Amino acid sequence: MPAYLGYIGGIFTTFCYVPQIMRVFRLKSAKEISLLFTVLLLTGAVIWLLYGIFLHLVPVILWNALGVGIVSVLLFAKLKYSRQQTRSREIDVNY
């Protein structure tokens, strides 16, 4: 039973970021996402992944590997849209 809890909890905590990522790409804006939050979340997921690998904990490995991928997409979107917003502000100022 405890292993199933790990899988179930992993599903919710891993995929809870997907709606936010979809929103960021739909709006083409990530100004409401904190860069520090995203970097710390990615760092924590990588550390949890390493922990799971060292202890051979399949649920921890599975969900944190997926989490690293998902949070990496969020970080990519944050950097991409932050850069675009900065450029558009520079263009507005120059005109």
C-alpha atoms as a PDB file:
ATOM      1  CA  MET A   1       0.000   0.000   0.000  1.00  0.00           C
ATOM      2  CA  PRO A   2       2.672   2.656   0.787  1.00  0.00           C
ATOM      3  CA  ALA A   3       4.194   2.269  -2.710  1.00  0.00           C
ATOM      4  CA  TYR A   4       0.813   3.039  -4.264  1.00  0.00           C
ATOM      5  CA  LEU A   5       0.625   6.196  -2.190  1.00  0.00           C
ATOM      6  CA  GLY A   6       3.960   7.235  -3.650  1.00  0.00           C
ATOM      7  CA  TYR A   7       2.660   6.778  -7.172  1.00  0.00           C
ATOM      8  CA  ILE A   8      -0.623   8.549  -6.487  1.00  0.00           C
ATOM      9  CA  GLY A   9       1.037  11.461  -4.694  1.00  0.00           C
ATOM     10  CA  GLY A  10       3.587  11.697  -7.497  1.00  0.00           C
ATOM     11  CA  ILE A  11       0.885  12.009 -10.122  1.00  0.00           C
ATOM     12  CA  PHE A  12      -0.670  15.007  -8.402  1.00  0.00           C
ATOM     13  CA  THR A  13       2.519  16.825  -7.431  1.00  0.00           C
ATOM     14  CA  THR A  14       4.186  16.247 -10.790  1.00  0.00           C
ATOM     15  CA  PHE A  15       1.335  17.192 -13.058  1.00  0.00           C
ATOM     16  CA  CYS A  16       0.072  20.146 -11.017  1.00  0.00           C
ATOM     17  CA  TYR A  17       2.427  22.369 -13.045  1.00  0.00           C
ATOM     18  CA  VAL A  18       0.978  21.381 -16.423  1.00  0.00           C
ATOM     19  CA  PRO A  19      -2.002  23.791 -16.302  1.00  0.00           C
ATOM     20  CA  GLN A  20       0.364  26.653 -15.435  1.00  0.00           C
ATOM     21  CA  ILE A  21       2.678  25.765 -18.317  1.00  0.00           C
ATOM     22  CA  MET A  22      -0.263  25.584 -20.719  1.00  0.00           C
ATOM     23  CA  ARG A  23      -1.408  29.013 -19.510  1.00  0.00           C
ATOM     24  CA  VAL A  24       2.054  30.534 -19.954  1.00  0.00           C
ATOM     25  CA  PHE A  25       2.291  29.289 -23.543  1.00  0.00           C
ATOM     26  CA  ARG A  26      -1.311  30.295 -24.336  1.00  0.00           C
ATOM     27  CA  LEU A  27      -0.819  33.843 -23.000  1.00  0.00           C
ATOM     28  CA  LYS A  28       2.790  34.076 -24.195  1.00  0.00           C
ATOM     29  CA  SER A  29       3.571  35.637 -20.847  1.00  0.00           C
ATOM     30  CA  ALA A  30       5.364  34.360 -17.764  1.00  0.00           C
ATOM     31  CA  LYS A  31       5.564  37.602 -15.800  1.00  0.00           C
ATOM     32  CA  GLU A  32       3.552  36.068 -12.943  1.00  0.00           C
ATOM     33  CA  ILE A  33       6.050  33.210 -12.581  1.00  0.00           C
ATOM     34  CA  SER A  34       8.982  33.840 -10.271  1.00  0.00           C
ATOM     35  CA  LEU A  35      12.351  32.924 -11.774  1.00  0.00           C
ATOM     36  CA  LEU A  36      13.705  32.136  -8.301  1.00  0.00           C
ATOM     37  CA  PHE A  37      10.745  29.827  -7.609  1.00  0.00           C
ATOM     38  CA  THR A  38      11.297  27.967 -10.882  1.00  0.00           C
ATOM     39  CA  VAL A  39      15.049  27.556 -10.369  1.00  0.00           C
ATOM     40  CA  LEU A  40      14.599  26.371  -6.767  1.00  0.00           C
ATOM     41  CA  LEU A  41      11.869  23.946  -7.812  1.00  0.00           C
ATOM     42  CA  LEU A  42      14.063  22.511 -10.567  1.00  0.00           C
ATOM     43  CA  THR A  43      17.015  22.204  -8.196  1.00  0.00           C
ATOM     44  CA  GLY A  44      14.863  20.413  -5.616  1.00  0.00           C
ATOM     45  CA  ALA A  45      13.486  18.009  -8.227  1.00  0.00           C
ATOM     46  CA  VAL A  46      16.996  17.153  -9.425  1.00  0.00           C
ATOM     47  CA  ILE A  47      18.115  16.494  -5.839  1.00  0.00           C
ATOM     48  CA  TRP A  48      15.045  14.299  -5.196  1.00  0.00           C
ATOM     49  CA  LEU A  49      15.783  12.437  -8.435  1.00  0.00           C
ATOM     50  CA  LEU A  50      19.355  11.765  -7.339  1.00  0.00           C
ATOM     51  CA  TYR A  51      18.105  10.652  -3.922  1.00  0.00           C
ATOM     52  CA  GLY A  52      15.708   8.216  -5.568  1.00  0.00           C
ATOM     53  CA  ILE A  53      18.427   6.856  -7.823  1.00  0.00           C
ATOM     54  CA  PHE A  54      20.828   6.276  -4.938  1.00  0.00           C
ATOM     55  CA  LEU A  55      18.174   4.475  -2.887  1.00  0.00           C
ATOM     56  CA  HIS A  56      16.516   2.709  -5.858  1.00  0.00           C
ATOM     57  CA  LEU A  57      13.105   4.222  -5.047  1.00  0.00           C
ATOM     58  CA  VAL A  58      11.109   3.782  -8.238  1.00  0.00           C
ATOM     59  CA  PRO A  59       8.263   6.221  -7.431  1.00  0.00           C
ATOM     60  CA  VAL A  60      10.748   8.938  -6.454  1.00  0.00           C
ATOM     61  CA  ILE A  61      12.791   8.348  -9.604  1.00  0.00           C
ATOM     62  CA  LEU A  62       9.767   8.231 -11.892  1.00  0.00           C
ATOM     63  CA  TRP A  63       7.953  11.312 -10.687  1.00  0.00           C
ATOM     64  CA  ASN A  64      11.019  13.461 -10.194  1.00  0.00           C
ATOM     65  CA  ALA A  65      12.387  12.561 -13.625  1.00  0.00           C
ATOM     66  CA  LEU A  66       9.070  13.681 -15.110  1.00  0.00           C
ATOM     67  CA  GLY A  67       9.074  16.692 -12.779  1.00  0.00           C
ATOM     68  CA  VAL A  68      12.523  17.771 -13.944  1.00  0.00           C
ATOM     69  CA  GLY A  69      11.265  17.669 -17.533  1.00  0.00           C
ATOM     70  CA  ILE A  70       8.077  19.572 -16.758  1.00  0.00           C
ATOM     71  CA  VAL A  71       9.778  22.243 -14.648  1.00  0.00           C
ATOM     72  CA  SER A  72      12.480  22.594 -17.317  1.00  0.00           C
ATOM     73  CA  VAL A  73       9.730  23.473 -19.800  1.00  0.00           C
ATOM     74  CA  LEU A  74       8.398  26.046 -17.330  1.00  0.00           C
ATOM     75  CA  LEU A  75      11.884  27.540 -16.917  1.00  0.00           C
ATOM     76  CA  PHE A  76      12.301  27.637 -20.703  1.00  0.00           C
ATOM     77  CA  ALA A  77       8.975  29.454 -21.057  1.00  0.00           C
ATOM     78  CA  LYS A  78       9.868  31.889 -18.289  1.00  0.00           C
ATOM     79  CA  LEU A  79      13.160  32.785 -19.925  1.00  0.00           C
ATOM     80  CA  LYS A  80      11.698  32.921 -23.436  1.00  0.00           C
ATOM     81  CA  TYR A  81       8.735  35.138 -22.639  1.00  0.00           C
ATOM     82  CA  SER A  82      10.658  37.336 -20.190  1.00  0.00           C
ATOM     83  CA  ARG A  83      13.172  38.054 -22.935  1.00  0.00           C
ATOM     84  CA  GLN A  84      10.409  38.824 -25.440  1.00  0.00           C
ATOM     85  CA  GLN A  85       8.665  41.163 -23.005  1.00  0.00           C
ATOM     86  CA  THR A  86      11.939  42.983 -22.335  1.00  0.00           C
ATOM     87  CA  ARG A  87      12.529  43.385 -26.080  1.00  0.00           C
ATOM     88  CA  SER A  88       9.017  44.682 -26.709  1.00  0.00           C
ATOM     89  CA  ARG A  89       9.427  47.251 -23.921  1.00  0.00           C
ATOM     90  CA  GLU A  90      12.702  48.400 -25.495  1.00  0.00           C
ATOM     91  CA  ILE A  91      10.987  48.786 -28.858  1.00  0.00           C
ATOM     92  CA  ASP A  92       8.129  50.774 -27.277  1.00  0.00           C
ATOM     93  CA  VAL A  93      10.591  53.106 -25.589  1.00  0.00           C
ATOM     94  CA  ASN A  94      12.531  53.713 -28.811  1.00  0.00           C
ATOM     95  CA  TYR A  95       9.443  54.761 -30.769  1.00  0.00           C
END
